[in-house]
Amino acid sequence: MFKRIRSKLNDIVRGTVAPAPAHSAAAAPAVKKREPAPVMVYFEKDRNQRLIERVRELLTSKGIAFQALDVSGDAATIAFVVREARCEDDDLPIVFVAGTPVGGYNELVDWDVSGKLKLAVFGE
């Protein structure tokens, strides 16, 4: 048995027999990328401008496309955001990823630092 193995190894070293193909990454099935999850930023014009800009800067720096929606004077939308995010209307801007409330700027930073933001938006 050992003679056969040694003989095959010698043939491989001399180049007379091609080695068995190794498993390569190219042979693995391709992982299909999904579309990024929608990101919505609900804000009120002229309120918490500095936080709005910080949210925009963070999302833009991470390459995350988002839609900013001014809800000034829209009581129904403000009520929806406050109810879903479990916050006060003073807490705007509020970020939602794929319909899931993230929260304000501080919570968005927490999601970013933990890697949860990238996972929620782009998937694995």
PDB file of N, CA and C in Angstrom:
ATOM      1  N   MET A   1       0.825  -1.187   0.000  1.00  0.00           N
ATOM      2  CA  MET A   1       0.000   0.000   0.000  1.00  0.00           C
ATOM      3  C   MET A   1       0.876   1.261   0.000  1.00  0.00           C
ATOM      4  N   PHE A   2       1.896   1.254   0.862  1.00  0.00           N
ATOM      5  CA  PHE A   2       2.761   2.422   0.926  1.00  0.00           C
ATOM      6  C   PHE A   2       3.536   2.616  -0.365  1.00  0.00           C
ATOM      7  N   LYS A   3       3.853   1.502  -1.040  1.00  0.00           N
ATOM      8  CA  LYS A   3       4.576   1.602  -2.306  1.00  0.00           C
ATOM      9  C   LYS A   3       3.719   2.313  -3.353  1.00  0.00           C
ATOM     10  N   ARG A   4       2.409   2.010  -3.359  1.00  0.00           N
ATOM     11  CA  ARG A   4       1.506   2.685  -4.312  1.00  0.00           C
ATOM     12  C   ARG A   4       1.417   4.182  -4.033  1.00  0.00           C
ATOM     13  N   ILE A   5       1.302   4.502  -2.769  1.00  0.00           N
ATOM     14  CA  ILE A   5       1.213   5.921  -2.403  1.00  0.00           C
ATOM     15  C   ILE A   5       2.502   6.641  -2.775  1.00  0.00           C
ATOM     16  N   ARG A   6       3.649   6.024  -2.450  1.00  0.00           N
ATOM     17  CA  ARG A   6       4.933   6.641  -2.763  1.00  0.00           C
ATOM     18  C   ARG A   6       5.087   6.784  -4.271  1.00  0.00           C
ATOM     19  N   SER A   7       4.647   5.771  -5.010  1.00  0.00           N
ATOM     20  CA  SER A   7       4.740   5.811  -6.462  1.00  0.00           C
ATOM     21  C   SER A   7       3.896   6.958  -7.032  1.00  0.00           C
ATOM     22  N   LYS A   8       2.683   7.129  -6.517  1.00  0.00           N
ATOM     23  CA  LYS A   8       1.820   8.225  -6.983  1.00  0.00           C
ATOM     24  C   LYS A   8       2.422   9.579  -6.643  1.00  0.00           C
ATOM     25  N   LEU A   9       2.977   9.695  -5.443  1.00  0.00           N
ATOM     26  CA  LEU A   9       3.613  10.951  -5.054  1.00  0.00           C
ATOM     27  C   LEU A   9       4.804  11.263  -5.959  1.00  0.00           C
ATOM     28  N   ASN A  10       5.589  10.262  -6.268  1.00  0.00           N
ATOM     29  CA  ASN A  10       6.731  10.461  -7.166  1.00  0.00           C
ATOM     30  C   ASN A  10       6.252  10.881  -8.555  1.00  0.00           C
ATOM     31  N   ASP A  11       5.191  10.249  -9.040  1.00  0.00           N
ATOM     32  CA  ASP A  11       4.651  10.624 -10.349  1.00  0.00           C
ATOM     33  C   ASP A  11       4.169  12.077 -10.344  1.00  0.00           C
ATOM     34  N   ILE A  12       3.544  12.480  -9.249  1.00  0.00           N
ATOM     35  CA  ILE A  12       3.066  13.870  -9.139  1.00  0.00           C
ATOM     36  C   ILE A  12       4.245  14.827  -9.128  1.00  0.00           C
ATOM     37  N   VAL A  13       5.291  14.488  -8.354  1.00  0.00           N
ATOM     38  CA  VAL A  13       6.473  15.352  -8.257  1.00  0.00           C
ATOM     39  C   VAL A  13       7.159  15.456  -9.616  1.00  0.00           C
ATOM     40  N   ARG A  14       7.257  14.367 -10.353  1.00  0.00           N
ATOM     41  CA  ARG A  14       7.896  14.373 -11.671  1.00  0.00           C
ATOM     42  C   ARG A  14       7.012  15.033 -12.719  1.00  0.00           C
ATOM     43  N   GLY A  15       5.742  15.185 -12.422  1.00  0.00           N
ATOM     44  CA  GLY A  15       4.845  15.836 -13.361  1.00  0.00           C
ATOM     45  C   GLY A  15       4.203  14.902 -14.355  1.00  0.00           C
ATOM     46  N   THR A  16       4.320  13.617 -14.142  1.00  0.00           N
ATOM     47  CA  THR A  16       3.717  12.681 -15.079  1.00  0.00           C
ATOM     48  C   THR A  16       2.239  12.452 -14.806  1.00  0.00           C
ATOM     49  N   VAL A  17       1.782  12.760 -13.597  1.00  0.00           N
ATOM     50  CA  VAL A  17       0.362  12.619 -13.235  1.00  0.00           C
ATOM     51  C   VAL A  17      -0.084  13.927 -12.609  1.00  0.00           C
ATOM     52  N   ALA A  18      -1.179  14.444 -13.075  1.00  0.00           N
ATOM     53  CA  ALA A  18      -1.705  15.692 -12.507  1.00  0.00           C
ATOM     54  C   ALA A  18      -2.335  15.414 -11.154  1.00  0.00           C
ATOM     55  N   PRO A  19      -2.094  16.268 -10.176  1.00  0.00           N
ATOM     56  CA  PRO A  19      -2.719  16.078  -8.868  1.00  0.00           C
ATOM     57  C   PRO A  19      -4.229  16.278  -8.968  1.00  0.00           C
ATOM     58  N   ALA A  20      -4.945  15.714  -8.030  1.00  0.00           N
ATOM     59  CA  ALA A  20      -6.397  15.880  -7.991  1.00  0.00           C
ATOM     60  C   ALA A  20      -6.713  17.348  -7.739  1.00  0.00           C
ATOM     61  N   PRO A  21      -7.741  17.885  -8.388  1.00  0.00           N
ATOM     62  CA  PRO A  21      -8.055  19.304  -8.192  1.00  0.00           C
ATOM     63  C   PRO A  21      -8.477  19.584  -6.758  1.00  0.00           C
ATOM     64  N   ALA A  22      -7.913  20.635  -6.210  1.00  0.00           N
ATOM     65  CA  ALA A  22      -8.270  21.051  -4.856  1.00  0.00           C
ATOM     66  C   ALA A  22      -9.577  21.826  -4.905  1.00  0.00           C
ATOM     67  N   HIS A  23     -10.260  21.859  -3.792  1.00  0.00           N
ATOM     68  CA  HIS A  23     -11.494  22.643  -3.724  1.00  0.00           C
ATOM     69  C   HIS A  23     -11.118  24.114  -3.736  1.00  0.00           C
ATOM     70  N   SER A  24     -11.682  24.842  -4.646  1.00  0.00           N
ATOM     71  CA  SER A  24     -11.343  26.257  -4.760  1.00  0.00           C
ATOM     72  C   SER A  24     -12.560  27.107  -4.465  1.00  0.00           C
ATOM     73  N   ALA A  25     -12.293  28.359  -4.169  1.00  0.00           N
ATOM     74  CA  ALA A  25     -13.378  29.301  -3.895  1.00  0.00           C
ATOM     75  C   ALA A  25     -14.208  29.551  -5.151  1.00  0.00           C
ATOM     76  N   ALA A  26     -13.567  29.407  -6.313  1.00  0.00           N
ATOM     77  CA  ALA A  26     -14.298  29.642  -7.560  1.00  0.00           C
ATOM     78  C   ALA A  26     -15.362  28.579  -7.787  1.00  0.00           C
ATOM     79  N   ALA A  27     -15.136  27.380  -7.240  1.00  0.00           N
ATOM     80  CA  ALA A  27     -16.097  26.304  -7.417  1.00  0.00           C
ATOM     81  C   ALA A  27     -17.302  26.460  -6.493  1.00  0.00           C
ATOM     82  N   ALA A  28     -17.166  27.295  -5.473  1.00  0.00           N
ATOM     83  CA  ALA A  28     -18.267  27.499  -4.532  1.00  0.00           C
ATOM     84  C   ALA A  28     -19.392  28.261  -5.229  1.00  0.00           C
ATOM     85  N   PRO A  29     -20.624  27.986  -4.857  1.00  0.00           N
ATOM     86  CA  PRO A  29     -21.731  28.706  -5.481  1.00  0.00           C
ATOM     87  C   PRO A  29     -21.661  30.200  -5.150  1.00  0.00           C
ATOM     88  N   ALA A  30     -21.955  31.007  -6.113  1.00  0.00           N
ATOM     89  CA  ALA A  30     -21.899  32.455  -5.927  1.00  0.00           C
ATOM     90  C   ALA A  30     -23.035  32.909  -5.022  1.00  0.00           C
ATOM     91  N   VAL A  31     -22.711  33.797  -4.103  1.00  0.00           N
ATOM     92  CA  VAL A  31     -23.713  34.347  -3.208  1.00  0.00           C
ATOM     93  C   VAL A  31     -24.342  35.549  -3.890  1.00  0.00           C
ATOM     94  N   LYS A  32     -25.641  35.514  -4.026  1.00  0.00           N
ATOM     95  CA  LYS A  32     -26.343  36.594  -4.702  1.00  0.00           C
ATOM     96  C   LYS A  32     -26.534  37.757  -3.739  1.00  0.00           C
ATOM     97  N   LYS A  33     -26.075  38.930  -4.158  1.00  0.00           N
ATOM     98  CA  LYS A  33     -26.246  40.109  -3.324  1.00  0.00           C
ATOM     99  C   LYS A  33     -27.684  40.585  -3.403  1.00  0.00           C
ATOM    100  N   ARG A  34     -28.185  41.044  -2.268  1.00  0.00           N
ATOM    101  CA  ARG A  34     -29.550  41.550  -2.266  1.00  0.00           C
ATOM    102  C   ARG A  34     -29.528  43.067  -2.325  1.00  0.00           C
ATOM    103  N   GLU A  35     -30.650  43.604  -2.666  1.00  0.00           N
ATOM    104  CA  GLU A  35     -30.794  45.058  -2.685  1.00  0.00           C
ATOM    105  C   GLU A  35     -30.676  45.583  -1.252  1.00  0.00           C
ATOM    106  N   PRO A  36     -30.067  46.751  -1.059  1.00  0.00           N
ATOM    107  CA  PRO A  36     -30.006  47.317   0.284  1.00  0.00           C
ATOM    108  C   PRO A  36     -31.413  47.606   0.801  1.00  0.00           C
ATOM    109  N   ALA A  37     -31.573  47.422   2.093  1.00  0.00           N
ATOM    110  CA  ALA A  37     -32.857  47.700   2.730  1.00  0.00           C
ATOM    111  C   ALA A  37     -33.123  49.202   2.686  1.00  0.00           C
ATOM    112  N   PRO A  38     -34.388  49.601   2.565  1.00  0.00           N
ATOM    113  CA  PRO A  38     -34.694  51.030   2.531  1.00  0.00           C
ATOM    114  C   PRO A  38     -34.453  51.682   3.899  1.00  0.00           C
ATOM    115  N   VAL A  39     -33.871  52.863   3.852  1.00  0.00           N
ATOM    116  CA  VAL A  39     -33.591  53.626   5.072  1.00  0.00           C
ATOM    117  C   VAL A  39     -34.359  54.932   4.984  1.00  0.00           C
ATOM    118  N   MET A  40     -35.162  55.199   6.001  1.00  0.00           N
ATOM    119  CA  MET A  40     -35.965  56.431   6.066  1.00  0.00           C
ATOM    120  C   MET A  40     -35.524  57.250   7.272  1.00  0.00           C
ATOM    121  N   VAL A  41     -35.397  58.538   7.064  1.00  0.00           N
ATOM    122  CA  VAL A  41     -35.087  59.461   8.155  1.00  0.00           C
ATOM    123  C   VAL A  41     -36.251  60.440   8.249  1.00  0.00           C
ATOM    124  N   TYR A  42     -36.981  60.373   9.343  1.00  0.00           N
ATOM    125  CA  TYR A  42     -38.106  61.280   9.579  1.00  0.00           C
ATOM    126  C   TYR A  42     -37.595  62.443  10.428  1.00  0.00           C
ATOM    127  N   PHE A  43     -37.846  63.667   9.964  1.00  0.00           N
ATOM    128  CA  PHE A  43     -37.381  64.842  10.691  1.00  0.00           C
ATOM    129  C   PHE A  43     -38.396  65.969  10.548  1.00  0.00           C
ATOM    130  N   GLU A  44     -38.249  66.966  11.426  1.00  0.00           N
ATOM    131  CA  GLU A  44     -39.052  68.179  11.314  1.00  0.00           C
ATOM    132  C   GLU A  44     -38.120  69.324  10.952  1.00  0.00           C
ATOM    133  N   LYS A  45     -38.495  70.037   9.904  1.00  0.00           N
ATOM    134  CA  LYS A  45     -37.693  71.168   9.455  1.00  0.00           C
ATOM    135  C   LYS A  45     -37.561  72.172  10.597  1.00  0.00           C
ATOM    136  N   ASP A  46     -36.375  72.738  10.721  1.00  0.00           N
ATOM    137  CA  ASP A  46     -36.074  73.761  11.722  1.00  0.00           C
ATOM    138  C   ASP A  46     -36.064  73.227  13.151  1.00  0.00           C
ATOM    139  N   ARG A  47     -36.011  71.927  13.332  1.00  0.00           N
ATOM    140  CA  ARG A  47     -35.902  71.368  14.678  1.00  0.00           C
ATOM    141  C   ARG A  47     -34.763  70.344  14.678  1.00  0.00           C
ATOM    142  N   ASN A  48     -33.844  70.490  15.616  1.00  0.00           N
ATOM    143  CA  ASN A  48     -32.707  69.576  15.757  1.00  0.00           C
ATOM    144  C   ASN A  48     -31.866  69.487  14.481  1.00  0.00           C
ATOM    145  N   GLN A  49     -31.593  70.632  13.866  1.00  0.00           N
ATOM    146  CA  GLN A  49     -30.834  70.676  12.609  1.00  0.00           C
ATOM    147  C   GLN A  49     -29.468  70.000  12.725  1.00  0.00           C
ATOM    148  N   ARG A  50     -28.804  70.210  13.855  1.00  0.00           N
ATOM    149  CA  ARG A  50     -27.480  69.630  14.023  1.00  0.00           C
ATOM    150  C   ARG A  50     -27.546  68.100  14.011  1.00  0.00           C
ATOM    151  N   LEU A  51     -28.562  67.538  14.655  1.00  0.00           N
ATOM    152  CA  LEU A  51     -28.717  66.084  14.650  1.00  0.00           C
ATOM    153  C   LEU A  51     -29.066  65.567  13.262  1.00  0.00           C
ATOM    154  N   ILE A  52     -29.880  66.319  12.526  1.00  0.00           N
ATOM    155  CA  ILE A  52     -30.235  65.924  11.162  1.00  0.00           C
ATOM    156  C   ILE A  52     -28.970  65.849  10.310  1.00  0.00           C
ATOM    157  N   GLU A  53     -28.119  66.840  10.422  1.00  0.00           N
ATOM    158  CA  GLU A  53     -26.876  66.859   9.649  1.00  0.00           C
ATOM    159  C   GLU A  53     -25.952  65.715  10.049  1.00  0.00           C
ATOM    160  N   ARG A  54     -25.898  65.409  11.325  1.00  0.00           N
ATOM    161  CA  ARG A  54     -25.048  64.298  11.778  1.00  0.00           C
ATOM    162  C   ARG A  54     -25.549  62.963  11.236  1.00  0.00           C
ATOM    163  N   VAL A  55     -26.868  62.775  11.254  1.00  0.00           N
ATOM    164  CA  VAL A  55     -27.447  61.546  10.704  1.00  0.00           C
ATOM    165  C   VAL A  55     -27.105  61.447   9.221  1.00  0.00           C
ATOM    166  N   ARG A  56     -27.277  62.535   8.496  1.00  0.00           N
ATOM    167  CA  ARG A  56     -26.952  62.541   7.055  1.00  0.00           C
ATOM    168  C   ARG A  56     -25.485  62.231   6.808  1.00  0.00           C
ATOM    169  N   GLU A  57     -24.610  62.839   7.593  1.00  0.00           N
ATOM    170  CA  GLU A  57     -23.175  62.608   7.431  1.00  0.00           C
ATOM    171  C   GLU A  57     -22.818  61.152   7.690  1.00  0.00           C
ATOM    172  N   LEU A  58     -23.367  60.568   8.745  1.00  0.00           N
ATOM    173  CA  LEU A  58     -23.053  59.189   9.076  1.00  0.00           C
ATOM    174  C   LEU A  58     -23.528  58.241   7.986  1.00  0.00           C
ATOM    175  N   LEU A  59     -24.774  58.392   7.555  1.00  0.00           N
ATOM    176  CA  LEU A  59     -25.312  57.507   6.529  1.00  0.00           C
ATOM    177  C   LEU A  59     -24.566  57.668   5.205  1.00  0.00           C
ATOM    178  N   THR A  60     -24.246  58.904   4.840  1.00  0.00           N
ATOM    179  CA  THR A  60     -23.525  59.160   3.595  1.00  0.00           C
ATOM    180  C   THR A  60     -22.112  58.585   3.659  1.00  0.00           C
ATOM    181  N   SER A  61     -21.451  58.725   4.801  1.00  0.00           N
ATOM    182  CA  SER A  61     -20.084  58.211   4.933  1.00  0.00           C
ATOM    183  C   SER A  61     -20.039  56.690   4.848  1.00  0.00           C
ATOM    184  N   LYS A  62     -21.113  56.034   5.199  1.00  0.00           N
ATOM    185  CA  LYS A  62     -21.173  54.574   5.143  1.00  0.00           C
ATOM    186  C   LYS A  62     -21.688  54.072   3.795  1.00  0.00           C
ATOM    187  N   GLY A  63     -22.013  54.996   2.902  1.00  0.00           N
ATOM    188  CA  GLY A  63     -22.497  54.603   1.582  1.00  0.00           C
ATOM    189  C   GLY A  63     -23.920  54.075   1.608  1.00  0.00           C
ATOM    190  N   ILE A  64     -24.687  54.533   2.575  1.00  0.00           N
ATOM    191  CA  ILE A  64     -26.060  54.073   2.734  1.00  0.00           C
ATOM    192  C   ILE A  64     -27.002  55.109   2.133  1.00  0.00           C
ATOM    193  N   ALA A  65     -27.745  54.683   1.126  1.00  0.00           N
ATOM    194  CA  ALA A  65     -28.736  55.572   0.521  1.00  0.00           C
ATOM    195  C   ALA A  65     -29.937  55.650   1.463  1.00  0.00           C
ATOM    196  N   PHE A  66     -30.482  56.844   1.591  1.00  0.00           N
ATOM    197  CA  PHE A  66     -31.617  57.020   2.486  1.00  0.00           C
ATOM    198  C   PHE A  66     -32.567  58.043   1.907  1.00  0.00           C
ATOM    199  N   GLN A  67     -33.778  58.023   2.423  1.00  0.00           N
ATOM    200  CA  GLN A  67     -34.764  59.013   2.035  1.00  0.00           C
ATOM    201  C   GLN A  67     -35.103  59.816   3.278  1.00  0.00           C
ATOM    202  N   ALA A  68     -34.966  61.134   3.182  1.00  0.00           N
ATOM    203  CA  ALA A  68     -35.294  62.022   4.286  1.00  0.00           C
ATOM    204  C   ALA A  68     -36.694  62.580   4.060  1.00  0.00           C
ATOM    205  N   LEU A  69     -37.529  62.468   5.075  1.00  0.00           N
ATOM    206  CA  LEU A  69     -38.913  62.891   4.951  1.00  0.00           C
ATOM    207  C   LEU A  69     -39.229  63.925   6.017  1.00  0.00           C
ATOM    208  N   ASP A  70     -39.526  65.147   5.567  1.00  0.00           N
ATOM    209  CA  ASP A  70     -39.910  66.224   6.480  1.00  0.00           C
ATOM    210  C   ASP A  70     -41.369  66.022   6.873  1.00  0.00           C
ATOM    211  N   VAL A  71     -41.603  65.818   8.163  1.00  0.00           N
ATOM    212  CA  VAL A  71     -42.957  65.544   8.642  1.00  0.00           C
ATOM    213  C   VAL A  71     -43.568  66.744   9.365  1.00  0.00           C
ATOM    214  N   SER A  72     -43.023  67.928   9.124  1.00  0.00           N
ATOM    215  CA  SER A  72     -43.563  69.138   9.750  1.00  0.00           C
ATOM    216  C   SER A  72     -45.027  69.305   9.369  1.00  0.00           C
ATOM    217  N   GLY A  73     -45.867  69.434  10.364  1.00  0.00           N
ATOM    218  CA  GLY A  73     -47.287  69.664  10.119  1.00  0.00           C
ATOM    219  C   GLY A  73     -48.069  68.420   9.735  1.00  0.00           C
ATOM    220  N   ASP A  74     -47.432  67.275   9.673  1.00  0.00           N
ATOM    221  CA  ASP A  74     -48.110  66.025   9.319  1.00  0.00           C
ATOM    222  C   ASP A  74     -48.328  65.216  10.594  1.00  0.00           C
ATOM    223  N   ALA A  75     -49.425  65.482  11.276  1.00  0.00           N
ATOM    224  CA  ALA A  75     -49.696  64.874  12.580  1.00  0.00           C
ATOM    225  C   ALA A  75     -49.796  63.355  12.503  1.00  0.00           C
ATOM    226  N   ALA A  76     -50.371  62.843  11.424  1.00  0.00           N
ATOM    227  CA  ALA A  76     -50.526  61.388  11.299  1.00  0.00           C
ATOM    228  C   ALA A  76     -49.173  60.693  11.200  1.00  0.00           C
ATOM    229  N   THR A  77     -48.260  61.250  10.410  1.00  0.00           N
ATOM    230  CA  THR A  77     -46.942  60.637  10.267  1.00  0.00           C
ATOM    231  C   THR A  77     -46.140  60.773  11.548  1.00  0.00           C
ATOM    232  N   ILE A  78     -46.225  61.914  12.193  1.00  0.00           N
ATOM    233  CA  ILE A  78     -45.527  62.104  13.473  1.00  0.00           C
ATOM    234  C   ILE A  78     -46.046  61.095  14.495  1.00  0.00           C
ATOM    235  N   ALA A  79     -47.367  60.899  14.539  1.00  0.00           N
ATOM    236  CA  ALA A  79     -47.948  59.931  15.465  1.00  0.00           C
ATOM    237  C   ALA A  79     -47.441  58.517  15.169  1.00  0.00           C
ATOM    238  N   PHE A  80     -47.348  58.174  13.880  1.00  0.00           N
ATOM    239  CA  PHE A  80     -46.830  56.861  13.479  1.00  0.00           C
ATOM    240  C   PHE A  80     -45.386  56.685  13.951  1.00  0.00           C
ATOM    241  N   VAL A  81     -44.539  57.670  13.688  1.00  0.00           N
ATOM    242  CA  VAL A  81     -43.121  57.585  14.047  1.00  0.00           C
ATOM    243  C   VAL A  81     -42.961  57.473  15.560  1.00  0.00           C
ATOM    244  N   VAL A  82     -43.668  58.304  16.285  1.00  0.00           N
ATOM    245  CA  VAL A  82     -43.587  58.305  17.748  1.00  0.00           C
ATOM    246  C   VAL A  82     -44.050  56.955  18.309  1.00  0.00           C
ATOM    247  N   ARG A  83     -45.137  56.431  17.757  1.00  0.00           N
ATOM    248  CA  ARG A  83     -45.664  55.147  18.235  1.00  0.00           C
ATOM    249  C   ARG A  83     -44.698  54.006  17.923  1.00  0.00           C
ATOM    250  N   GLU A  84     -44.206  53.932  16.686  1.00  0.00           N
ATOM    251  CA  GLU A  84     -43.337  52.819  16.283  1.00  0.00           C
ATOM    252  C   GLU A  84     -41.964  52.876  16.945  1.00  0.00           C
ATOM    253  N   ALA A  85     -41.415  54.073  17.076  1.00  0.00           N
ATOM    254  CA  ALA A  85     -40.071  54.222  17.646  1.00  0.00           C
ATOM    255  C   ALA A  85     -40.114  54.336  19.165  1.00  0.00           C
ATOM    256  N   ARG A  86     -41.319  54.429  19.724  1.00  0.00           N
ATOM    257  CA  ARG A  86     -41.491  54.573  21.180  1.00  0.00           C
ATOM    258  C   ARG A  86     -40.652  55.740  21.702  1.00  0.00           C
ATOM    259  N   CYS A  87     -40.899  56.890  21.110  1.00  0.00           N
ATOM    260  CA  CYS A  87     -40.153  58.083  21.486  1.00  0.00           C
ATOM    261  C   CYS A  87     -41.119  59.262  21.597  1.00  0.00           C
ATOM    262  N   GLU A  88     -40.585  60.410  21.854  1.00  0.00           N
ATOM    263  CA  GLU A  88     -41.369  61.642  21.896  1.00  0.00           C
ATOM    264  C   GLU A  88     -41.164  62.382  20.578  1.00  0.00           C
ATOM    265  N   ASP A  89     -42.100  63.275  20.245  1.00  0.00           N
ATOM    266  CA  ASP A  89     -41.945  64.014  18.987  1.00  0.00           C
ATOM    267  C   ASP A  89     -40.762  64.970  19.030  1.00  0.00           C
ATOM    268  N   ASP A  90     -40.243  65.259  20.229  1.00  0.00           N
ATOM    269  CA  ASP A  90     -39.039  66.084  20.351  1.00  0.00           C
ATOM    270  C   ASP A  90     -37.779  65.320  19.948  1.00  0.00           C
ATOM    271  N   ASP A  91     -37.874  63.996  19.854  1.00  0.00           N
ATOM    272  CA  ASP A  91     -36.711  63.165  19.564  1.00  0.00           C
ATOM    273  C   ASP A  91     -36.358  63.085  18.092  1.00  0.00           C
ATOM    274  N   LEU A  92     -37.158  63.670  17.216  1.00  0.00           N
ATOM    275  CA  LEU A  92     -36.856  63.639  15.788  1.00  0.00           C
ATOM    276  C   LEU A  92     -35.528  64.329  15.530  1.00  0.00           C
ATOM    277  N   PRO A  93     -34.706  63.856  14.634  1.00  0.00           N
ATOM    278  CA  PRO A  93     -34.897  62.870  13.581  1.00  0.00           C
ATOM    279  C   PRO A  93     -34.839  61.432  14.114  1.00  0.00           C
ATOM    280  N   ILE A  94     -35.633  60.581  13.503  1.00  0.00           N
ATOM    281  CA  ILE A  94     -35.689  59.162  13.823  1.00  0.00           C
ATOM    282  C   ILE A  94     -35.397  58.385  12.535  1.00  0.00           C
ATOM    283  N   VAL A  95     -34.569  57.366  12.666  1.00  0.00           N
ATOM    284  CA  VAL A  95     -34.158  56.560  11.513  1.00  0.00           C
ATOM    285  C   VAL A  95     -34.865  55.205  11.571  1.00  0.00           C
ATOM    286  N   PHE A  96     -35.371  54.774  10.414  1.00  0.00           N
ATOM    287  CA  PHE A  96     -35.964  53.450  10.258  1.00  0.00           C
ATOM    288  C   PHE A  96     -35.173  52.713   9.181  1.00  0.00           C
ATOM    289  N   VAL A  97     -34.878  51.438   9.429  1.00  0.00           N
ATOM    290  CA  VAL A  97     -34.234  50.588   8.430  1.00  0.00           C
ATOM    291  C   VAL A  97     -35.180  49.426   8.149  1.00  0.00           C
ATOM    292  N   ALA A  98     -35.648  49.343   6.920  1.00  0.00           N
ATOM    293  CA  ALA A  98     -36.577  48.282   6.497  1.00  0.00           C
ATOM    294  C   ALA A  98     -37.794  48.218   7.406  1.00  0.00           C
ATOM    295  N   GLY A  99     -38.285  49.375   7.810  1.00  0.00           N
ATOM    296  CA  GLY A  99     -39.477  49.431   8.649  1.00  0.00           C
ATOM    297  C   GLY A  99     -39.217  49.235  10.129  1.00  0.00           C
ATOM    298  N   THR A 100     -37.984  48.944  10.498  1.00  0.00           N
ATOM    299  CA  THR A 100     -37.616  48.749  11.897  1.00  0.00           C
ATOM    300  C   THR A 100     -37.045  50.050  12.444  1.00  0.00           C
ATOM    301  N   PRO A 101     -37.611  50.561  13.543  1.00  0.00           N
ATOM    302  CA  PRO A 101     -37.072  51.808  14.089  1.00  0.00           C
ATOM    303  C   PRO A 101     -35.703  51.594  14.724  1.00  0.00           C
ATOM    304  N   VAL A 102     -34.758  52.413  14.313  1.00  0.00           N
ATOM    305  CA  VAL A 102     -33.421  52.398  14.900  1.00  0.00           C
ATOM    306  C   VAL A 102     -33.404  53.362  16.074  1.00  0.00           C
ATOM    307  N   GLY A 103     -33.920  54.551  15.871  1.00  0.00           N
ATOM    308  CA  GLY A 103     -33.928  55.582  16.892  1.00  0.00           C
ATOM    309  C   GLY A 103     -33.293  56.843  16.352  1.00  0.00           C
ATOM    310  N   GLY A 104     -32.813  57.649  17.262  1.00  0.00           N
ATOM    311  CA  GLY A 104     -32.177  58.904  16.897  1.00  0.00           C
ATOM    312  C   GLY A 104     -30.705  58.716  16.548  1.00  0.00           C
ATOM    313  N   TYR A 105     -29.977  59.817  16.564  1.00  0.00           N
ATOM    314  CA  TYR A 105     -28.570  59.785  16.163  1.00  0.00           C
ATOM    315  C   TYR A 105     -27.737  58.872  17.053  1.00  0.00           C
ATOM    316  N   ASN A 106     -27.914  58.958  18.367  1.00  0.00           N
ATOM    317  CA  ASN A 106     -27.108  58.138  19.278  1.00  0.00           C
ATOM    318  C   ASN A 106     -27.339  56.644  19.051  1.00  0.00           C
ATOM    319  N   GLU A 107     -28.571  56.250  18.843  1.00  0.00           N
ATOM    320  CA  GLU A 107     -28.872  54.846  18.569  1.00  0.00           C
ATOM    321  C   GLU A 107     -28.302  54.417  17.212  1.00  0.00           C
ATOM    322  N   LEU A 108     -28.333  55.327  16.247  1.00  0.00           N
ATOM    323  CA  LEU A 108     -27.759  55.045  14.931  1.00  0.00           C
ATOM    324  C   LEU A 108     -26.258  54.792  15.054  1.00  0.00           C
ATOM    325  N   VAL A 109     -25.582  55.581  15.857  1.00  0.00           N
ATOM    326  CA  VAL A 109     -24.142  55.380  16.091  1.00  0.00           C
ATOM    327  C   VAL A 109     -23.910  54.030  16.766  1.00  0.00           C
ATOM    328  N   ASP A 110     -24.752  53.683  17.744  1.00  0.00           N
ATOM    329  CA  ASP A 110     -24.618  52.386  18.413  1.00  0.00           C
ATOM    330  C   ASP A 110     -24.760  51.243  17.412  1.00  0.00           C
ATOM    331  N   TRP A 111     -25.758  51.337  16.521  1.00  0.00           N
ATOM    332  CA  TRP A 111     -25.954  50.310  15.491  1.00  0.00           C
ATOM    333  C   TRP A 111     -24.739  50.237  14.585  1.00  0.00           C
ATOM    334  N   ASP A 112     -24.174  51.394  14.234  1.00  0.00           N
ATOM    335  CA  ASP A 112     -23.018  51.422  13.342  1.00  0.00           C
ATOM    336  C   ASP A 112     -21.807  50.775  13.999  1.00  0.00           C
ATOM    337  N   VAL A 113     -21.523  51.140  15.233  1.00  0.00           N
ATOM    338  CA  VAL A 113     -20.355  50.619  15.942  1.00  0.00           C
ATOM    339  C   VAL A 113     -20.466  49.107  16.148  1.00  0.00           C
ATOM    340  N   SER A 114     -21.663  48.626  16.426  1.00  0.00           N
ATOM    341  CA  SER A 114     -21.854  47.191  16.666  1.00  0.00           C
ATOM    342  C   SER A 114     -21.896  46.369  15.379  1.00  0.00           C
ATOM    343  N   GLY A 115     -22.014  47.033  14.223  1.00  0.00           N
ATOM    344  CA  GLY A 115     -22.104  46.319  12.955  1.00  0.00           C
ATOM    345  C   GLY A 115     -23.529  45.969  12.568  1.00  0.00           C
ATOM    346  N   LYS A 116     -24.449  46.283  13.439  1.00  0.00           N
ATOM    347  CA  LYS A 116     -25.852  45.954  13.189  1.00  0.00           C
ATOM    348  C   LYS A 116     -26.429  46.766  12.034  1.00  0.00           C
ATOM    349  N   LEU A 117     -25.968  48.001  11.862  1.00  0.00           N
ATOM    350  CA  LEU A 117     -26.464  48.855  10.787  1.00  0.00           C
ATOM    351  C   LEU A 117     -26.112  48.274   9.423  1.00  0.00           C
ATOM    352  N   LYS A 118     -24.865  47.913   9.234  1.00  0.00           N
ATOM    353  CA  LYS A 118     -24.424  47.337   7.955  1.00  0.00           C
ATOM    354  C   LYS A 118     -25.165  46.041   7.667  1.00  0.00           C
ATOM    355  N   LEU A 119     -25.337  45.216   8.684  1.00  0.00           N
ATOM    356  CA  LEU A 119     -26.053  43.956   8.514  1.00  0.00           C
ATOM    357  C   LEU A 119     -27.512  44.189   8.164  1.00  0.00           C
ATOM    358  N   ALA A 120     -28.144  45.163   8.825  1.00  0.00           N
ATOM    359  CA  ALA A 120     -29.557  45.445   8.559  1.00  0.00           C
ATOM    360  C   ALA A 120     -29.772  46.016   7.163  1.00  0.00           C
ATOM    361  N   VAL A 121     -28.851  46.827   6.696  1.00  0.00           N
ATOM    362  CA  VAL A 121     -29.019  47.471   5.396  1.00  0.00           C
ATOM    363  C   VAL A 121     -28.576  46.565   4.254  1.00  0.00           C
ATOM    364  N   PHE A 122     -27.388  45.999   4.357  1.00  0.00           N
ATOM    365  CA  PHE A 122     -26.817  45.257   3.238  1.00  0.00           C
ATOM    366  C   PHE A 122     -26.920  43.740   3.377  1.00  0.00           C
ATOM    367  N   GLY A 123     -27.259  43.253   4.546  1.00  0.00           N
ATOM    368  CA  GLY A 123     -27.311  41.806   4.758  1.00  0.00           C
ATOM    369  C   GLY A 123     -25.918  41.254   4.971  1.00  0.00           C
ATOM    370  N   GLU A 124     -25.811  39.926   4.878  1.00  0.00           N
ATOM    371  CA  GLU A 124     -24.509  39.281   5.118  1.00  0.00           C
ATOM    372  C   GLU A 124     -23.642  39.329   3.890  1.00  0.00           C
TER     373      GLU A 124
END
